[in-house]
Amino acid sequence: MKAPGTISEVLKAKGHSRVLSISPDQTVYEAIQIMAEYDIGALMVIDQGKLSGIFSERDYARKGVLHGHASRETLVNQLMTSQVISVSPQCTVDDCMALMTGRHIRHLPVVEDETVVGLVSIGDLVKWIIGGQERTIQELEGYIAGAYPA
C-alpha cells in the first residue's frame, strides 16, 4: 500500500515551523539540554546558515558515552554525524520511508535552496501513514454502510 503525500504536507501537519538547531562549537551538554527541553531525539547542526551535520541521541550514546567523552567539555562537532542525508519538501512519504529504513536513520533534515526548512522523524512518517490508513478505513466503512452517494 502506497502512502500518499509529500514531506511538505507532513511538515504542515506537524503544525510548527520552528527549526531547532545548534552550532558545531557548542557543547554536547547544551545539545542534550535542548533535546530534553523539547523532547526530541536530534538537532540539526547549522554553521553559518548552512546544514553541517546532525546530532542525535544515538551519536551521544555511541560516540560520546562509550568513548568516555564528557558532555560539558566535548563539542558537538566532535560527535555529530557530518555525512547528512537530506530531502526536499517535494519528496514523497514513500521515498523517505524507503530511504530511512534502507539507511537505518531516524531523522531527515528537509532542505530547500540550501536552507533547512524542517526535520522529519520516522515517528512523524509513521503517524502520517497511520492517519491515512484511518481515513481510508472510515471511507470504506461509510461505503459499506451506504453513506456514500451513488
N, C-alpha and C. Protein backbone atom coordinates (compact mmCIF):
# COMPACT_ATOMS: atom_id res chain seq x y z
N MET A 1 0.84 -1.18 0.00
CA MET A 1 0.00 0.00 0.00
C MET A 1 0.89 1.24 0.00
N LYS A 2 0.64 2.09 -0.93
CA LYS A 2 1.44 3.30 -1.09
C LYS A 2 0.93 4.41 -0.18
N ALA A 3 1.84 5.05 0.52
CA ALA A 3 1.47 6.16 1.40
C ALA A 3 1.42 7.45 0.59
N PRO A 4 0.28 8.10 0.56
CA PRO A 4 0.17 9.35 -0.21
C PRO A 4 0.83 10.51 0.53
N GLY A 5 1.20 11.52 -0.23
CA GLY A 5 1.67 12.75 0.39
C GLY A 5 3.14 13.04 0.19
N THR A 6 3.46 14.29 0.45
CA THR A 6 4.83 14.77 0.37
C THR A 6 5.31 15.21 1.75
N ILE A 7 6.59 15.40 1.86
CA ILE A 7 7.18 15.84 3.12
C ILE A 7 6.68 17.24 3.48
N SER A 8 6.41 18.07 2.49
CA SER A 8 5.83 19.38 2.74
C SER A 8 4.50 19.25 3.49
N GLU A 9 3.68 18.29 3.09
CA GLU A 9 2.39 18.06 3.76
C GLU A 9 2.60 17.54 5.18
N VAL A 10 3.58 16.69 5.37
CA VAL A 10 3.89 16.16 6.70
C VAL A 10 4.31 17.30 7.62
N LEU A 11 5.16 18.20 7.12
CA LEU A 11 5.61 19.34 7.93
C LEU A 11 4.43 20.24 8.30
N LYS A 12 3.53 20.47 7.37
CA LYS A 12 2.34 21.29 7.66
C LYS A 12 1.48 20.62 8.72
N ALA A 13 1.33 19.30 8.64
CA ALA A 13 0.51 18.56 9.60
C ALA A 13 1.12 18.58 11.00
N LYS A 14 2.45 18.68 11.07
CA LYS A 14 3.11 18.76 12.37
C LYS A 14 2.70 20.04 13.10
N GLY A 15 2.37 21.06 12.33
CA GLY A 15 1.81 22.28 12.90
C GLY A 15 2.79 23.29 13.45
N HIS A 16 4.06 23.06 13.33
CA HIS A 16 5.02 24.09 13.76
C HIS A 16 6.16 24.14 12.75
N SER A 17 6.65 25.35 12.56
CA SER A 17 7.68 25.53 11.54
C SER A 17 9.04 25.84 12.16
N ARG A 18 9.13 25.79 13.47
CA ARG A 18 10.40 26.12 14.14
C ARG A 18 11.43 25.03 13.85
N VAL A 19 12.60 25.46 13.42
CA VAL A 19 13.70 24.55 13.14
C VAL A 19 14.68 24.63 14.30
N LEU A 20 14.74 23.57 15.10
CA LEU A 20 15.65 23.55 16.24
C LEU A 20 17.03 23.12 15.78
N SER A 21 18.03 23.88 16.19
CA SER A 21 19.39 23.58 15.76
C SER A 21 20.39 24.00 16.82
N ILE A 22 21.62 23.64 16.57
CA ILE A 22 22.72 24.00 17.44
C ILE A 22 23.93 24.28 16.55
N SER A 23 24.87 25.05 17.04
CA SER A 23 26.08 25.30 16.24
C SER A 23 27.12 24.23 16.59
N PRO A 24 28.04 23.97 15.67
CA PRO A 24 29.03 22.91 15.89
C PRO A 24 29.99 23.19 17.04
N ASP A 25 30.13 24.46 17.43
CA ASP A 25 31.07 24.78 18.50
C ASP A 25 30.41 24.89 19.88
N GLN A 26 29.16 24.50 19.98
CA GLN A 26 28.51 24.43 21.28
C GLN A 26 28.80 23.06 21.88
N THR A 27 28.58 22.94 23.19
CA THR A 27 28.90 21.68 23.85
C THR A 27 27.79 20.65 23.67
N VAL A 28 28.18 19.42 23.81
CA VAL A 28 27.24 18.30 23.77
C VAL A 28 26.21 18.46 24.89
N TYR A 29 26.65 18.95 26.02
CA TYR A 29 25.75 19.19 27.15
C TYR A 29 24.63 20.15 26.74
N GLU A 30 24.98 21.22 26.05
CA GLU A 30 23.97 22.18 25.59
C GLU A 30 22.99 21.52 24.62
N ALA A 31 23.51 20.67 23.76
CA ALA A 31 22.64 19.96 22.81
C ALA A 31 21.66 19.06 23.54
N ILE A 32 22.16 18.34 24.53
CA ILE A 32 21.29 17.43 25.29
C ILE A 32 20.24 18.22 26.06
N GLN A 33 20.61 19.37 26.58
CA GLN A 33 19.64 20.22 27.28
C GLN A 33 18.50 20.62 26.34
N ILE A 34 18.82 21.04 25.13
CA ILE A 34 17.80 21.46 24.15
C ILE A 34 16.92 20.27 23.79
N MET A 35 17.54 19.12 23.54
CA MET A 35 16.76 17.93 23.17
C MET A 35 15.83 17.52 24.30
N ALA A 36 16.28 17.63 25.55
CA ALA A 36 15.44 17.29 26.69
C ALA A 36 14.29 18.30 26.84
N GLU A 37 14.60 19.58 26.67
CA GLU A 37 13.59 20.63 26.82
C GLU A 37 12.45 20.46 25.81
N TYR A 38 12.79 20.09 24.59
CA TYR A 38 11.78 19.97 23.53
C TYR A 38 11.34 18.52 23.28
N ASP A 39 11.86 17.59 24.07
CA ASP A 39 11.51 16.17 23.96
C ASP A 39 11.71 15.67 22.53
N ILE A 40 12.92 15.89 22.01
CA ILE A 40 13.26 15.47 20.66
C ILE A 40 14.52 14.62 20.70
N GLY A 41 14.77 13.87 19.64
CA GLY A 41 15.89 12.96 19.61
C GLY A 41 17.07 13.40 18.78
N ALA A 42 16.94 14.55 18.11
CA ALA A 42 18.05 15.02 17.27
C ALA A 42 17.95 16.52 17.04
N LEU A 43 19.10 17.10 16.78
CA LEU A 43 19.20 18.52 16.42
C LEU A 43 20.00 18.66 15.14
N MET A 44 19.60 19.58 14.32
CA MET A 44 20.41 19.88 13.15
C MET A 44 21.55 20.79 13.59
N VAL A 45 22.69 20.58 12.99
CA VAL A 45 23.86 21.40 13.30
C VAL A 45 24.01 22.39 12.15
N ILE A 46 23.88 23.65 12.49
CA ILE A 46 23.91 24.72 11.49
C ILE A 46 25.16 25.57 11.72
N ASP A 47 25.94 25.74 10.67
CA ASP A 47 27.16 26.54 10.74
C ASP A 47 27.08 27.61 9.65
N GLN A 48 27.09 28.86 10.06
CA GLN A 48 26.99 30.00 9.13
C GLN A 48 25.80 29.85 8.18
N GLY A 49 24.67 29.46 8.74
CA GLY A 49 23.44 29.37 7.97
C GLY A 49 23.28 28.11 7.13
N LYS A 50 24.25 27.23 7.15
CA LYS A 50 24.21 26.01 6.34
C LYS A 50 24.18 24.76 7.22
N LEU A 51 23.52 23.74 6.74
CA LEU A 51 23.47 22.47 7.43
C LEU A 51 24.85 21.81 7.35
N SER A 52 25.46 21.58 8.51
CA SER A 52 26.79 20.95 8.51
C SER A 52 26.79 19.58 9.17
N GLY A 53 25.67 19.23 9.80
CA GLY A 53 25.60 17.93 10.44
C GLY A 53 24.29 17.74 11.17
N ILE A 54 24.18 16.60 11.83
CA ILE A 54 23.04 16.31 12.68
C ILE A 54 23.60 15.64 13.92
N PHE A 55 23.03 16.02 15.06
CA PHE A 55 23.47 15.45 16.33
C PHE A 55 22.27 14.76 16.96
N SER A 56 22.42 13.48 17.26
CA SER A 56 21.31 12.70 17.80
C SER A 56 21.68 12.03 19.10
N GLU A 57 20.67 11.51 19.77
CA GLU A 57 20.90 10.73 20.98
C GLU A 57 21.80 9.54 20.66
N ARG A 58 21.63 9.00 19.48
CA ARG A 58 22.47 7.86 19.05
C ARG A 58 23.94 8.29 18.96
N ASP A 59 24.20 9.48 18.40
CA ASP A 59 25.58 9.99 18.34
C ASP A 59 26.16 10.12 19.75
N TYR A 60 25.37 10.68 20.65
CA TYR A 60 25.83 10.88 22.02
C TYR A 60 26.16 9.54 22.69
N ALA A 61 25.25 8.58 22.55
CA ALA A 61 25.46 7.29 23.21
C ALA A 61 26.63 6.53 22.61
N ARG A 62 26.70 6.46 21.32
CA ARG A 62 27.70 5.61 20.66
C ARG A 62 29.08 6.26 20.53
N LYS A 63 29.10 7.57 20.31
CA LYS A 63 30.39 8.23 20.12
C LYS A 63 30.86 8.98 21.36
N GLY A 64 29.93 9.33 22.23
CA GLY A 64 30.29 10.07 23.42
C GLY A 64 30.45 9.21 24.65
N VAL A 65 29.35 8.67 25.11
CA VAL A 65 29.36 7.89 26.34
C VAL A 65 30.30 6.69 26.24
N LEU A 66 30.19 5.92 25.18
CA LEU A 66 31.01 4.71 25.05
C LEU A 66 32.51 5.00 24.99
N HIS A 67 32.86 6.18 24.53
CA HIS A 67 34.28 6.53 24.42
C HIS A 67 34.75 7.45 25.55
N GLY A 68 33.90 7.64 26.55
CA GLY A 68 34.28 8.40 27.73
C GLY A 68 34.38 9.91 27.56
N HIS A 69 33.70 10.47 26.56
CA HIS A 69 33.73 11.92 26.37
C HIS A 69 32.78 12.60 27.37
N ALA A 70 33.27 13.59 28.06
CA ALA A 70 32.45 14.36 29.00
C ALA A 70 31.61 15.35 28.22
N SER A 71 30.31 15.34 28.45
CA SER A 71 29.40 16.18 27.65
C SER A 71 29.62 17.67 27.85
N ARG A 72 30.13 18.08 29.00
CA ARG A 72 30.35 19.52 29.25
C ARG A 72 31.61 20.04 28.55
N GLU A 73 32.53 19.15 28.21
CA GLU A 73 33.77 19.57 27.56
C GLU A 73 33.83 19.22 26.08
N THR A 74 32.97 18.34 25.63
CA THR A 74 33.01 17.88 24.25
C THR A 74 32.13 18.77 23.38
N LEU A 75 32.65 19.15 22.23
CA LEU A 75 31.89 19.98 21.30
C LEU A 75 31.04 19.11 20.38
N VAL A 76 29.94 19.66 19.96
CA VAL A 76 29.02 18.95 19.08
C VAL A 76 29.73 18.45 17.83
N ASN A 77 30.62 19.26 17.26
CA ASN A 77 31.28 18.86 16.01
C ASN A 77 32.19 17.64 16.18
N GLN A 78 32.50 17.27 17.41
CA GLN A 78 33.33 16.09 17.66
C GLN A 78 32.51 14.79 17.58
N LEU A 79 31.20 14.89 17.79
CA LEU A 79 30.36 13.70 17.83
C LEU A 79 29.27 13.66 16.77
N MET A 80 29.00 14.78 16.15
CA MET A 80 27.89 14.84 15.19
C MET A 80 28.13 13.95 13.97
N THR A 81 27.06 13.63 13.30
CA THR A 81 27.13 12.95 12.02
C THR A 81 27.25 14.04 10.96
N SER A 82 28.35 14.03 10.22
CA SER A 82 28.56 15.11 9.24
C SER A 82 28.14 14.71 7.83
N GLN A 83 28.03 13.44 7.56
CA GLN A 83 27.53 12.98 6.24
C GLN A 83 26.00 12.92 6.32
N VAL A 84 25.37 14.08 6.19
CA VAL A 84 23.93 14.19 6.39
C VAL A 84 23.17 13.90 5.10
N ILE A 85 22.17 13.05 5.24
CA ILE A 85 21.25 12.78 4.15
C ILE A 85 20.05 13.69 4.38
N SER A 86 19.68 14.46 3.37
CA SER A 86 18.53 15.35 3.49
C SER A 86 17.60 15.14 2.31
N VAL A 87 16.40 15.68 2.44
CA VAL A 87 15.40 15.57 1.38
C VAL A 87 14.79 16.95 1.11
N SER A 88 14.12 17.05 -0.02
CA SER A 88 13.41 18.29 -0.34
C SER A 88 11.97 18.18 0.14
N PRO A 89 11.28 19.29 0.29
CA PRO A 89 9.86 19.24 0.70
C PRO A 89 8.98 18.48 -0.31
N GLN A 90 9.42 18.37 -1.56
CA GLN A 90 8.63 17.68 -2.58
C GLN A 90 8.82 16.16 -2.55
N CYS A 91 9.74 15.68 -1.76
CA CYS A 91 9.99 14.24 -1.66
C CYS A 91 8.73 13.55 -1.13
N THR A 92 8.45 12.36 -1.62
CA THR A 92 7.25 11.65 -1.18
C THR A 92 7.50 10.94 0.16
N VAL A 93 6.41 10.70 0.86
CA VAL A 93 6.50 9.98 2.12
C VAL A 93 7.07 8.58 1.87
N ASP A 94 6.61 7.92 0.81
CA ASP A 94 7.12 6.58 0.47
C ASP A 94 8.63 6.59 0.26
N ASP A 95 9.12 7.56 -0.50
CA ASP A 95 10.56 7.63 -0.77
C ASP A 95 11.35 7.86 0.51
N CYS A 96 10.82 8.69 1.39
CA CYS A 96 11.51 8.96 2.65
C CYS A 96 11.52 7.73 3.55
N MET A 97 10.41 7.02 3.60
CA MET A 97 10.36 5.78 4.40
C MET A 97 11.38 4.77 3.89
N ALA A 98 11.46 4.64 2.58
CA ALA A 98 12.43 3.71 1.98
C ALA A 98 13.86 4.14 2.30
N LEU A 99 14.12 5.42 2.20
CA LEU A 99 15.45 5.96 2.49
C LEU A 99 15.82 5.72 3.96
N MET A 100 14.90 6.03 4.85
CA MET A 100 15.18 5.90 6.27
C MET A 100 15.37 4.45 6.69
N THR A 101 14.55 3.57 6.19
CA THR A 101 14.71 2.16 6.55
C THR A 101 15.95 1.57 5.88
N GLY A 102 16.20 1.93 4.65
CA GLY A 102 17.37 1.42 3.95
C GLY A 102 18.68 1.87 4.56
N ARG A 103 18.72 3.10 5.05
CA ARG A 103 19.95 3.66 5.62
C ARG A 103 20.01 3.57 7.15
N HIS A 104 18.96 3.06 7.77
CA HIS A 104 18.88 2.92 9.23
C HIS A 104 19.04 4.27 9.92
N ILE A 105 18.29 5.26 9.44
CA ILE A 105 18.33 6.58 10.07
C ILE A 105 16.94 6.93 10.59
N ARG A 106 16.90 7.77 11.59
CA ARG A 106 15.64 8.12 12.24
C ARG A 106 15.19 9.54 11.98
N HIS A 107 16.08 10.37 11.45
CA HIS A 107 15.76 11.79 11.23
C HIS A 107 16.26 12.24 9.87
N LEU A 108 15.43 13.02 9.18
CA LEU A 108 15.80 13.56 7.87
C LEU A 108 15.60 15.07 7.87
N PRO A 109 16.68 15.82 7.71
CA PRO A 109 16.51 17.25 7.51
C PRO A 109 15.83 17.51 6.17
N VAL A 110 15.00 18.54 6.15
CA VAL A 110 14.31 18.93 4.92
C VAL A 110 14.94 20.25 4.48
N VAL A 111 15.51 20.22 3.28
CA VAL A 111 16.28 21.37 2.80
C VAL A 111 15.72 21.84 1.46
N GLU A 112 15.57 23.17 1.35
CA GLU A 112 15.11 23.77 0.11
C GLU A 112 16.00 24.97 -0.20
N ASP A 113 16.60 24.97 -1.37
CA ASP A 113 17.51 26.05 -1.78
C ASP A 113 18.61 26.27 -0.73
N GLU A 114 19.19 25.19 -0.25
CA GLU A 114 20.27 25.20 0.74
C GLU A 114 19.87 25.73 2.11
N THR A 115 18.56 25.90 2.33
CA THR A 115 18.06 26.37 3.62
C THR A 115 17.27 25.24 4.29
N VAL A 116 17.57 25.00 5.55
CA VAL A 116 16.84 23.98 6.30
C VAL A 116 15.44 24.52 6.61
N VAL A 117 14.42 23.79 6.18
CA VAL A 117 13.04 24.22 6.41
C VAL A 117 12.30 23.33 7.39
N GLY A 118 12.93 22.23 7.81
CA GLY A 118 12.29 21.35 8.77
C GLY A 118 13.08 20.09 8.99
N LEU A 119 12.52 19.24 9.84
CA LEU A 119 13.11 17.95 10.16
C LEU A 119 11.96 16.97 10.34
N VAL A 120 12.05 15.82 9.71
CA VAL A 120 11.04 14.78 9.93
C VAL A 120 11.71 13.57 10.55
N SER A 121 10.98 12.95 11.44
CA SER A 121 11.47 11.74 12.09
C SER A 121 10.70 10.55 11.55
N ILE A 122 11.20 9.38 11.83
CA ILE A 122 10.49 8.17 11.43
C ILE A 122 9.13 8.15 12.11
N GLY A 123 9.05 8.66 13.32
CA GLY A 123 7.77 8.75 14.03
C GLY A 123 6.77 9.64 13.32
N ASP A 124 7.25 10.77 12.78
CA ASP A 124 6.37 11.67 12.02
C ASP A 124 5.77 10.94 10.82
N LEU A 125 6.60 10.16 10.13
CA LEU A 125 6.13 9.47 8.93
C LEU A 125 5.17 8.34 9.28
N VAL A 126 5.47 7.62 10.35
CA VAL A 126 4.56 6.55 10.78
C VAL A 126 3.20 7.13 11.17
N LYS A 127 3.22 8.23 11.89
CA LYS A 127 1.97 8.90 12.28
C LYS A 127 1.18 9.32 11.04
N TRP A 128 1.86 9.86 10.03
CA TRP A 128 1.23 10.28 8.79
C TRP A 128 0.57 9.09 8.08
N ILE A 129 1.30 7.99 8.00
CA ILE A 129 0.80 6.80 7.32
C ILE A 129 -0.40 6.22 8.06
N ILE A 130 -0.33 6.15 9.38
CA ILE A 130 -1.45 5.63 10.16
C ILE A 130 -2.68 6.51 10.00
N GLY A 131 -2.48 7.82 9.99
CA GLY A 131 -3.59 8.75 9.77
C GLY A 131 -4.26 8.51 8.43
N GLY A 132 -3.47 8.27 7.40
CA GLY A 132 -4.02 7.98 6.07
C GLY A 132 -4.78 6.68 6.05
N GLN A 133 -4.27 5.68 6.74
CA GLN A 133 -4.96 4.39 6.81
C GLN A 133 -6.29 4.52 7.56
N GLU A 134 -6.31 5.31 8.62
CA GLU A 134 -7.55 5.52 9.37
C GLU A 134 -8.61 6.20 8.50
N ARG A 135 -8.19 7.18 7.70
CA ARG A 135 -9.13 7.85 6.80
C ARG A 135 -9.69 6.87 5.76
N THR A 136 -8.83 6.02 5.23
CA THR A 136 -9.27 5.02 4.25
C THR A 136 -10.27 4.06 4.87
N ILE A 137 -10.00 3.61 6.09
CA ILE A 137 -10.92 2.71 6.79
C ILE A 137 -12.28 3.38 6.99
N GLN A 138 -12.28 4.64 7.41
CA GLN A 138 -13.54 5.36 7.62
C GLN A 138 -14.31 5.49 6.31
N GLU A 139 -13.61 5.78 5.23
CA GLU A 139 -14.27 5.90 3.93
C GLU A 139 -14.85 4.56 3.49
N LEU A 140 -14.13 3.48 3.70
CA LEU A 140 -14.63 2.15 3.33
C LEU A 140 -15.83 1.75 4.19
N GLU A 141 -15.77 2.06 5.48
CA GLU A 141 -16.91 1.76 6.35
C GLU A 141 -18.14 2.55 5.91
N GLY A 142 -17.93 3.80 5.54
CA GLY A 142 -19.04 4.62 5.03
C GLY A 142 -19.61 4.05 3.75
N TYR A 143 -18.76 3.59 2.88
CA TYR A 143 -19.20 3.00 1.62
C TYR A 143 -20.01 1.73 1.88
N ILE A 144 -19.52 0.88 2.76
CA ILE A 144 -20.21 -0.38 3.08
C ILE A 144 -21.57 -0.09 3.72
N ALA A 145 -21.61 0.92 4.57
CA ALA A 145 -22.86 1.27 5.27
C ALA A 145 -23.81 2.04 4.37
N GLY A 146 -23.40 2.35 3.15
CA GLY A 146 -24.26 3.08 2.24
C GLY A 146 -24.29 4.57 2.45
N ALA A 147 -23.27 5.09 3.12
CA ALA A 147 -23.22 6.52 3.41
C ALA A 147 -22.76 7.35 2.22
N TYR A 148 -22.20 6.69 1.21
CA TYR A 148 -21.73 7.42 0.04
C TYR A 148 -22.84 7.56 -0.97
N PRO A 149 -22.97 8.74 -1.58
CA PRO A 149 -23.99 8.90 -2.63
C PRO A 149 -23.64 8.07 -3.87
N ALA A 150 -24.63 7.63 -4.55
CA ALA A 150 -24.44 6.79 -5.74
C ALA A 150 -23.92 7.55 -6.91
